[in-house]
Protein backbone atom coordinates (compact mmCIF):
# COMPACT_ATOMS: atom_id res chain seq x y z
CA UNK A 1 -38.38 11.46 7.15
CA UNK A 2 -37.05 8.07 9.23
CA UNK A 3 -35.41 9.18 12.70
CA UNK A 4 -32.32 8.30 13.55
CA UNK A 5 -30.86 6.03 15.19
CA UNK A 6 -27.72 7.22 18.01
CA UNK A 7 -26.05 4.01 18.13
CA UNK A 8 -25.37 4.35 14.37
CA UNK A 9 -24.18 8.31 14.84
CA UNK A 10 -22.23 7.30 17.95
CA UNK A 11 -20.65 4.86 15.44
CA UNK A 12 -20.54 7.63 12.80
CA UNK A 13 -18.84 10.12 15.03
CA UNK A 14 -16.30 7.43 16.24
CA UNK A 15 -15.31 6.25 13.19
CA UNK A 16 -14.31 9.38 11.61
CA UNK A 17 -13.15 10.91 15.29
CA UNK A 18 -10.55 7.38 13.82
CA UNK A 19 -10.15 8.35 11.01
CA UNK A 20 -8.96 12.63 11.56
CA UNK A 21 -5.70 11.49 13.63
CA UNK A 22 -5.02 8.34 11.77
CA UNK A 23 -4.82 10.86 8.65
CA UNK A 24 -2.87 12.80 11.71
CA UNK A 25 -0.59 10.59 11.80
CA UNK A 26 0.30 9.50 8.79
CA UNK A 27 1.30 13.68 8.56
CA UNK A 28 4.06 13.14 11.04
CA UNK A 29 4.79 10.18 9.78
CA UNK A 30 6.00 11.61 6.48
CA UNK A 31 7.77 14.44 7.86
CA UNK A 32 9.82 12.04 10.02
CA UNK A 33 7.88 12.47 13.53
CA UNK A 34 8.49 8.80 14.04
CA UNK A 35 7.64 8.99 17.82
CA UNK A 36 4.75 11.75 17.14
CA UNK A 37 2.82 9.27 14.80
CA UNK A 38 4.23 6.11 16.98
CA UNK A 39 1.96 7.98 19.50
CA UNK A 40 -1.51 8.94 18.29
CA UNK A 41 -1.06 4.79 15.95
CA UNK A 42 -0.56 3.37 19.22
CA UNK A 43 -3.67 4.46 20.30
CA UNK A 44 -5.68 3.83 17.03
CA UNK A 45 -4.54 -0.55 17.57
CA UNK A 46 -6.94 -0.27 19.64
CA UNK A 47 -9.95 1.12 18.10
CA UNK A 48 -13.56 0.23 17.20
CA UNK A 49 -13.60 1.66 13.72
CA UNK A 50 -11.30 -2.44 12.38
CA UNK A 51 -9.71 -1.03 9.67
CA UNK A 52 -8.49 2.37 10.62
CA UNK A 53 -6.81 -0.26 14.11
CA UNK A 54 -5.51 -2.51 11.18
CA UNK A 55 -3.75 0.27 9.65
CA UNK A 56 -3.10 1.61 12.67
CA UNK A 57 -0.79 -1.69 13.48
CA UNK A 58 1.00 -2.02 10.35
CA UNK A 59 1.38 2.02 10.36
CA UNK A 60 3.57 1.64 13.94
CA UNK A 61 5.02 -0.85 13.11
CA UNK A 62 6.43 0.76 10.06
CA UNK A 63 7.25 4.42 12.38
CA UNK A 64 9.50 1.34 15.13
CA UNK A 65 11.58 0.42 12.77
CA UNK A 66 12.52 3.69 11.08
CA UNK A 67 12.71 4.86 15.07
CA UNK A 68 14.80 2.13 15.26
CA UNK A 69 12.66 0.70 18.31
CA UNK A 70 11.66 -2.49 18.34
CA UNK A 71 9.03 -3.98 15.79
CA UNK A 72 7.19 -6.90 15.81
CA UNK A 73 7.52 -9.35 12.68
CA UNK A 74 4.50 -8.60 9.68
CA UNK A 75 2.11 -11.52 9.83
CA UNK A 76 -0.78 -10.58 7.25
CA UNK A 77 0.12 -9.99 3.64
CA UNK A 78 -1.18 -6.89 3.89
CA UNK A 79 1.00 -5.66 5.98
CA UNK A 80 3.62 -7.04 4.06
CA UNK A 81 1.81 -5.15 1.27
CA UNK A 82 2.25 -1.29 3.07
CA UNK A 83 5.42 -2.26 4.57
CA UNK A 84 6.64 -3.23 0.49
CA UNK A 85 5.17 0.33 -1.05
CA UNK A 86 6.36 2.07 1.84
CA UNK A 87 9.53 0.73 0.70
CA UNK A 88 8.99 0.99 -2.74
CA UNK A 89 8.50 4.35 -2.05
CA UNK A 90 11.85 5.56 -0.46
CA UNK A 91 13.47 3.51 -3.98
CA UNK A 92 14.32 0.40 -0.86
CA UNK A 93 13.52 -2.04 -3.86
CA UNK A 94 15.63 -4.75 -2.70
CA UNK A 95 13.44 -4.67 0.51
CA UNK A 96 9.76 -3.52 -1.53
CA UNK A 97 10.03 -6.85 -3.49
CA UNK A 98 11.35 -9.23 -1.14
CA UNK A 99 8.51 -8.23 1.30
CA UNK A 100 5.95 -6.97 -2.45
CA UNK A 101 6.74 -10.81 -2.31
CA UNK A 102 5.69 -12.13 0.71
CA UNK A 103 2.60 -10.37 0.21
CA UNK A 104 1.99 -12.46 -2.81
CA UNK A 105 2.95 -15.71 -2.14
CA UNK A 106 0.39 -15.47 1.47
CA UNK A 107 -2.43 -14.06 -0.95
CA UNK A 108 -2.07 -14.37 -4.80
CA UNK A 109 -4.06 -12.94 -7.28
CA UNK A 110 -3.87 -9.74 -5.67
CA UNK A 111 -3.36 -6.81 -8.00
CA UNK A 112 -2.50 -4.54 -5.45
CA UNK A 113 0.03 -6.59 -4.33
CA UNK A 114 1.30 -7.03 -8.28
CA UNK A 115 1.28 -3.88 -9.24
CA UNK A 116 3.09 -3.31 -6.89
CA UNK A 117 5.47 -6.25 -7.39
CA UNK A 118 5.51 -4.77 -10.81
CA UNK A 119 6.36 -1.06 -10.41
CA UNK A 120 9.47 -2.11 -8.40
CA UNK A 121 10.74 -4.86 -10.38
CA UNK A 122 10.61 -1.23 -12.88
CA UNK A 123 12.62 0.85 -11.00
CA UNK A 124 15.01 -2.09 -10.15
CA UNK A 125 15.21 -2.50 -13.84
CA UNK A 126 14.40 -5.50 -13.96
CA UNK A 127 12.06 -5.26 -17.19
CA UNK A 128 10.94 -8.79 -17.92
CA UNK A 129 9.74 -9.08 -13.73
CA UNK A 130 7.92 -5.56 -14.81
CA UNK A 131 6.03 -6.98 -17.28
CA UNK A 132 4.88 -10.64 -15.26
CA UNK A 133 3.22 -8.64 -13.19
CA UNK A 134 1.96 -6.41 -14.65
CA UNK A 135 0.26 -7.78 -17.09
CA UNK A 136 -1.79 -10.48 -13.81
CA UNK A 137 -1.66 -6.86 -11.86
CA UNK A 138 -4.02 -6.53 -15.68
CA UNK A 139 -4.99 -8.78 -16.07
CA UNK A 140 -6.86 -9.61 -12.63
CA UNK A 141 -8.23 -5.22 -12.85
CA UNK A 142 -7.79 -4.09 -16.22
CA UNK A 143 -8.28 -0.77 -14.99
CA UNK A 144 -4.65 -0.53 -13.55
CA UNK A 145 -4.02 -0.59 -17.19
CA UNK A 146 -5.04 3.25 -16.79
CA UNK A 147 -2.41 3.97 -13.67
CA UNK A 148 0.42 2.38 -15.08
CA UNK A 149 0.34 4.40 -18.53
CA UNK A 150 0.59 7.27 -16.57
CA UNK A 151 2.37 6.06 -13.50
CA UNK A 152 6.25 6.69 -13.51
CA UNK A 153 6.88 3.77 -12.15
CA UNK A 154 7.30 2.98 -14.98
CA UNK A 155 8.81 5.94 -17.98
CA UNK A 156 11.71 3.06 -18.54
CA UNK A 157 9.73 0.74 -19.74
CA UNK A 158 7.88 2.51 -22.25
CA UNK A 159 10.70 2.74 -24.95
CA UNK A 160 9.73 -1.73 -24.48
CA UNK A 161 6.82 -1.71 -27.15
CA UNK A 162 5.45 -4.71 -25.09
CA UNK A 163 4.95 -1.40 -22.56
CA UNK A 164 2.61 -0.06 -25.82
CA UNK A 165 0.99 -3.82 -26.36
CA UNK A 166 0.02 -4.36 -23.01
CA UNK A 167 -1.65 -1.00 -21.60
CA UNK A 168 -2.96 0.05 -25.18
CA UNK A 169 -4.68 -3.44 -26.72
CA UNK A 170 -6.31 -3.04 -29.98
CA UNK A 171 -9.46 -1.63 -29.86
CA UNK A 172 -8.58 0.44 -27.09
C-alpha cells in the first residue's frame, strides 16, 4: 500500500469543496436567486480548481446579466457556449443562436457547440439549419445520434425523412 501524499489529499479536498459550492450556487441560480448565486460564484472565481473557477466566471456573468448588474462580455468560446445554452433553456432562441454561433466561430469543429446550435434551430423551426448542425455534430461525435434520438428539442424533426437517415443509418 502506497503512502498518501498529504499535498495531493489537500488538493482533492479543496477541489471537492469547490465542486460542492459550485453545485450550491447552480441550485440558487436555478431558483432565480441571482444575488446568492453570484455571491458564491464570486468566491469560486479565484479557486485553485481551474475548471471550477472558469465555469464560475461564466455563471457569474449569467447571474449579473439576469439581475441587471453590469457583466463583462464573454471572451471564450466556452463562455459563449454556456450563455447560449442558458438562452436555449429559457427559449430565447435568437440570442441562443447568436451566442452559439459566436462560440462556433471562436472554436470551430466542436460537437457540443454544433449540437446546441442544431437544438436551437430545431426549436426555432429552421429545419435546414438544424439538420446542417446536427449532421456536423454527429460527424464529429457519432454518439450524438443516440442523444438526439431522445432529445425533446428535436421532436419537431422526427417526421422529416432526414431525421431517420441521420440518426438511424443503415446497419445500426
